[in-house]
Protein backbone atom coordinates (compact mmCIF):
# COMPACT_ATOMS: atom_id res chain seq x y z
CA UNK A 1 57.17 92.47 142.39
CA UNK A 2 56.25 94.75 139.48
CA UNK A 3 58.30 95.39 136.33
CA UNK A 4 59.35 98.75 137.74
CA UNK A 5 60.47 97.20 141.01
CA UNK A 6 62.41 94.54 139.10
CA UNK A 7 64.19 97.16 136.99
CA UNK A 8 65.13 99.21 140.04
CA UNK A 9 66.34 96.17 141.98
CA UNK A 10 68.46 94.85 139.09
CA UNK A 11 69.89 98.31 138.41
CA UNK A 12 70.89 98.81 142.04
CA UNK A 13 72.41 95.32 142.26
CA UNK A 14 74.72 96.33 139.42
CA UNK A 15 75.46 99.71 141.02
CA UNK A 16 74.12 101.63 138.02
CA UNK A 17 72.38 105.00 138.17
CA UNK A 18 69.26 105.91 136.23
CA UNK A 19 71.43 108.31 134.23
CA UNK A 20 73.84 105.51 133.25
CA UNK A 21 70.98 103.28 132.14
CA UNK A 22 69.48 106.16 130.16
CA UNK A 23 72.78 106.92 128.42
CA UNK A 24 73.27 103.28 127.37
CA UNK A 25 69.73 103.06 125.99
CA UNK A 26 69.80 106.55 124.43
CA UNK A 27 66.79 107.76 126.39
CA UNK A 28 66.18 110.30 129.17
CA UNK A 29 66.73 109.41 132.81
CA UNK A 30 63.15 110.57 133.37
CA UNK A 31 62.01 107.66 131.20
CA UNK A 32 63.95 105.22 133.37
CA UNK A 33 62.48 106.82 136.46
CA UNK A 34 58.97 106.46 135.06
CA UNK A 35 59.60 102.75 134.43
CA UNK A 36 60.74 102.23 137.98
CA UNK A 37 57.67 104.04 139.33
CA UNK A 38 55.47 101.81 137.11
CA UNK A 39 54.03 104.84 135.34
CA UNK A 40 55.11 103.44 131.98
CA UNK A 41 56.54 100.17 130.70
CA UNK A 42 59.49 99.89 128.31
CA UNK A 43 58.59 98.95 124.75
CA UNK A 44 59.85 95.63 123.36
CA UNK A 45 63.01 97.04 121.79
CA UNK A 46 64.02 98.90 124.95
CA UNK A 47 63.15 95.88 127.09
CA UNK A 48 65.48 93.62 125.12
CA UNK A 49 68.31 96.16 125.24
CA UNK A 50 67.72 96.69 128.96
CA UNK A 51 67.94 92.93 129.59
CA UNK A 52 71.23 92.79 127.68
CA UNK A 53 72.58 95.74 129.66
CA UNK A 54 71.63 94.17 132.99
CA UNK A 55 72.85 90.70 131.92
CA UNK A 56 69.52 89.04 132.64
CA UNK A 57 66.73 87.42 130.66
CA UNK A 58 63.71 89.46 129.63
CA UNK A 59 61.60 87.26 131.89
CA UNK A 60 63.71 88.33 134.88
CA UNK A 61 62.45 91.87 134.27
CA UNK A 62 58.81 91.28 133.35
CA UNK A 63 57.83 88.41 135.63
CA UNK A 64 56.09 89.27 138.86
CA UNK A 65 57.80 87.61 141.78
CA UNK A 66 55.49 86.67 144.61
CA UNK A 67 58.37 85.63 146.80
CA UNK A 68 61.90 86.85 147.20
CA UNK A 69 64.78 84.72 148.34
CA UNK A 70 67.66 85.56 150.59
CA UNK A 71 70.92 85.06 148.74
CA UNK A 72 74.25 84.00 150.20
CA UNK A 73 77.56 85.40 149.00
CA UNK A 74 79.39 82.43 150.48
CA UNK A 75 78.41 79.18 152.17
CA UNK A 76 81.46 78.73 154.36
CA UNK A 77 83.85 81.07 156.14
CA UNK A 78 87.16 81.05 154.29
CA UNK A 79 89.19 81.29 157.49
CA UNK A 80 87.46 78.20 158.87
CA UNK A 81 88.23 76.37 155.63
CA UNK A 82 91.87 77.43 155.89
CA UNK A 83 92.03 76.01 159.41
CA UNK A 84 90.43 72.76 158.23
CA UNK A 85 92.85 72.34 155.31
CA UNK A 86 95.91 73.09 157.44
CA UNK A 87 94.75 70.78 160.25
CA UNK A 88 94.12 67.96 157.78
CA UNK A 89 97.48 68.61 156.14
CA UNK A 90 99.23 68.29 159.49
CA UNK A 91 97.36 65.08 160.31
CA UNK A 92 98.30 63.48 156.98
CA UNK A 93 101.77 65.06 156.90
CA UNK A 94 101.11 66.96 153.67
CA UNK A 95 104.19 69.16 153.63
CA UNK A 96 103.55 70.82 150.27
CA UNK A 97 99.97 71.63 151.21
CA UNK A 98 100.99 73.32 154.45
CA UNK A 99 103.31 75.62 152.54
CA UNK A 100 100.81 76.15 149.73
CA UNK A 101 97.98 77.34 151.97
CA UNK A 102 99.88 80.24 153.50
CA UNK A 103 101.48 81.11 150.16
CA UNK A 104 98.11 81.22 148.38
CA UNK A 105 96.50 83.33 151.11
CA UNK A 106 99.27 85.90 150.79
CA UNK A 107 99.35 85.80 146.97
CA UNK A 108 95.60 86.36 146.61
CA UNK A 109 95.40 89.02 149.34
CA UNK A 110 93.14 91.88 148.29
CA UNK A 111 91.65 90.00 145.34
CA UNK A 112 87.88 89.43 145.11
CA UNK A 113 85.72 87.00 143.21
CA UNK A 114 84.05 88.51 140.13
CA UNK A 115 81.18 90.89 140.92
CA UNK A 116 81.37 90.24 144.65
CA UNK A 117 83.09 91.18 147.86
CA UNK A 118 84.13 87.58 148.52
CA UNK A 119 87.91 87.21 149.05
CA UNK A 120 89.37 85.28 146.11
CA UNK A 121 91.10 82.82 148.44
CA UNK A 122 87.62 81.35 149.06
CA UNK A 123 87.90 79.70 145.62
CA UNK A 124 91.15 77.69 146.00
CA UNK A 125 90.16 76.77 149.55
CA UNK A 126 86.88 75.44 148.18
CA UNK A 127 88.80 73.25 145.74
CA UNK A 128 91.01 71.87 148.50
CA UNK A 129 88.03 71.17 150.78
CA UNK A 130 86.12 69.61 147.88
CA UNK A 131 88.99 67.21 147.20
CA UNK A 132 89.42 66.34 150.87
CA UNK A 133 85.69 65.72 151.28
CA UNK A 134 85.93 63.11 148.50
CA UNK A 135 88.66 61.30 150.41
CA UNK A 136 91.54 62.58 148.30
CA UNK A 137 94.54 63.29 150.52
CA UNK A 138 97.40 63.32 148.00
CA UNK A 139 99.77 66.10 148.97
CA UNK A 140 100.47 67.33 145.44
CA UNK A 141 96.77 67.40 144.51
CA UNK A 142 95.67 69.46 147.52
CA UNK A 143 98.68 71.78 147.22
CA UNK A 144 97.96 72.35 143.52
CA UNK A 145 94.31 73.07 144.34
CA UNK A 146 95.55 75.90 146.54
CA UNK A 147 98.05 77.22 144.00
CA UNK A 148 96.27 76.64 140.69
CA UNK A 149 95.62 80.35 140.02
CA UNK A 150 98.63 82.09 141.59
CA UNK A 151 100.77 82.08 138.44
CA UNK A 152 97.89 83.04 136.17
CA UNK A 153 96.36 85.73 138.40
CA UNK A 154 98.99 86.87 140.92
CA UNK A 155 102.10 87.44 138.84
CA UNK A 156 103.98 84.58 140.50
CA UNK A 157 106.37 82.23 138.69
CA UNK A 158 106.52 78.46 138.92
CA UNK A 159 110.08 78.60 140.18
CA UNK A 160 109.17 80.61 143.28
CA UNK A 161 106.35 78.33 144.44
CA UNK A 162 107.38 76.70 147.77
CA UNK A 163 106.45 73.17 146.67
CA UNK A 164 107.98 70.14 144.96
CA UNK A 165 108.41 69.65 141.22
CA UNK A 166 105.28 67.50 140.80
CA UNK A 167 103.08 70.19 142.33
CA UNK A 168 104.71 72.83 140.15
CA UNK A 169 104.01 70.71 137.08
CA UNK A 170 100.33 70.46 138.04
CA UNK A 171 100.15 74.23 138.46
CA UNK A 172 101.86 74.67 135.08
CA UNK A 173 99.29 72.46 133.36
CA UNK A 174 96.39 74.30 135.04
CA UNK A 175 97.70 77.73 134.06
CA UNK A 176 96.70 79.09 130.68
CA UNK A 177 97.69 82.23 128.83
CA UNK A 178 95.26 85.00 127.96
CA UNK A 179 93.36 84.38 124.75
CA UNK A 180 91.82 86.52 122.05
CA UNK A 181 88.76 85.90 119.90
CA UNK A 182 91.02 84.83 117.05
CA UNK A 183 93.14 82.27 118.93
CA UNK A 184 90.84 81.16 121.74
CA UNK A 185 89.64 77.88 120.19
CA UNK A 186 93.16 76.76 119.27
CA UNK A 187 94.68 77.71 122.63
CA UNK A 188 91.91 76.16 124.71
CA UNK A 189 92.09 72.90 122.74
CA UNK A 190 95.84 72.71 123.41
CA UNK A 191 95.29 73.61 127.07
CA UNK A 192 92.78 70.82 127.66
CA UNK A 193 94.81 68.33 125.61
CA UNK A 194 97.78 68.87 127.95
CA UNK A 195 95.62 68.50 131.08
CA UNK A 196 94.14 65.26 129.72
CA UNK A 197 97.60 63.69 129.79
CA UNK A 198 97.74 63.96 133.60
CA UNK A 199 94.94 62.39 135.73
CA UNK A 200 95.77 64.59 138.74
CA UNK A 201 95.57 67.74 136.67
CA UNK A 202 92.30 66.51 135.12
CA UNK A 203 90.91 65.87 138.59
CA UNK A 204 91.79 69.37 139.84
CA UNK A 205 90.42 71.01 136.68
CA UNK A 206 87.09 69.19 137.10
CA UNK A 207 86.85 70.29 140.73
CA UNK A 208 87.69 73.82 139.60
CA UNK A 209 84.97 73.74 136.96
CA UNK A 210 82.38 72.47 139.45
CA UNK A 211 83.15 75.38 141.75
CA UNK A 212 83.04 77.91 138.92
CA UNK A 213 79.70 76.55 137.67
CA UNK A 214 78.14 77.15 141.08
CA UNK A 215 79.15 80.82 141.04
CA UNK A 216 78.74 81.83 137.40
CA UNK A 217 75.10 82.95 137.83
CA UNK A 218 76.30 86.08 139.64
CA UNK A 219 79.92 86.21 138.51
CA UNK A 220 79.53 86.09 134.71
CA UNK A 221 77.54 87.87 132.02
CA UNK A 222 74.97 85.87 130.04
CA UNK A 223 77.37 85.64 127.10
CA UNK A 224 80.10 84.25 129.34
CA UNK A 225 77.63 81.77 130.87
CA UNK A 226 76.77 80.48 127.38
CA UNK A 227 80.48 80.15 126.62
CA UNK A 228 81.11 78.33 129.90
CA UNK A 229 78.33 75.85 129.16
CA UNK A 230 79.66 75.12 125.67
CA UNK A 231 83.25 74.78 126.91
CA UNK A 232 82.22 72.41 129.70
CA UNK A 233 80.28 70.18 127.31
CA UNK A 234 83.13 70.16 124.79
CA UNK A 235 86.15 69.42 126.99
CA UNK A 236 85.13 67.96 130.34
CA UNK A 237 83.68 64.57 129.31
CA UNK A 238 87.21 63.68 128.17
CA UNK A 239 88.72 64.83 131.46
CA UNK A 240 86.18 62.76 133.40
CA UNK A 241 87.15 59.69 131.38
CA UNK A 242 90.79 60.32 132.26
CA UNK A 243 89.92 60.54 135.95
CA UNK A 244 88.02 57.26 135.77
CA UNK A 245 91.16 55.45 134.61
CA UNK A 246 92.52 55.92 138.14
CA UNK A 247 90.88 53.52 140.59
CA UNK A 248 91.43 55.89 143.50
CA UNK A 249 89.42 58.60 141.71
CA UNK A 250 86.37 56.56 140.67
CA UNK A 251 84.12 57.89 143.44
CA UNK A 252 85.29 61.44 142.77
CA UNK A 253 84.62 61.04 139.05
CA UNK A 254 81.02 59.97 139.71
CA UNK A 255 80.37 62.90 142.04
CA UNK A 256 82.03 65.45 139.74
CA UNK A 257 80.13 64.26 136.68
CA UNK A 258 76.85 64.36 138.58
CA UNK A 259 77.50 67.89 139.83
CA UNK A 260 78.64 69.24 136.48
CA UNK A 261 75.81 67.77 134.44
CA UNK A 262 73.20 68.76 137.03
CA UNK A 263 74.45 72.36 137.09
CA UNK A 264 74.49 72.56 133.30
CA UNK A 265 70.93 71.25 133.09
CA UNK A 266 69.73 73.80 135.65
CA UNK A 267 71.34 76.71 133.81
CA UNK A 268 69.95 75.59 130.44
CA UNK A 269 66.42 75.39 131.83
CA UNK A 270 66.63 78.78 133.54
CA UNK A 271 68.16 80.52 130.53
């Protein structure tokens, strides 16, 4: 693929017009059109600004790609995952989880994952399935996986969640307030300190981070990806140590550490 083809493909993926690109770069839309037709190539300054605008590396624009890959928005069907979680909950008599699944589906209705058409409920269901696949069948843990974002993102309160007090406490620990540039470091340090006091909360947060790492390549800007990498390296080794103090979570801790560190290494090499 040529530079022009790359520019056009990246622009269309982000649903931007040539006119919008031109306005951001302070050039004419005819110039953008000429790039996409491979009549001219952007100079170095415009190329760097274009990469920043499209949230990609410069190499993503200039490299010729001999092969293209088919991308998947989602690996599993969220409705199938819901059926699996509810069936497992019935088999293990997980009363809180049964209530949490339906509540989360309703609370997240209409919400989408960042920069995608994927229903948001795919995310908490992934966490629940991830935990179950590692042999974790604790009712409060699976229920909190399902509900971990409903207070933060859906305007719900802890008191109205249809679960027991322990599950509510896990959701409380996993919920953090909005931050600003001036208070972010202080608030995030306090947030992770509180989670580190509860092995179950630490476990859920690590599963949550693993899932978010797998989707940040298309869901976050490059700046946010850098921030996610730094945050993961700063706070999650401590949470993994907390998880390892629980004998029942040792296998999960190994798998979560492997996945997190592997994902971070891949992103660093590609960026």
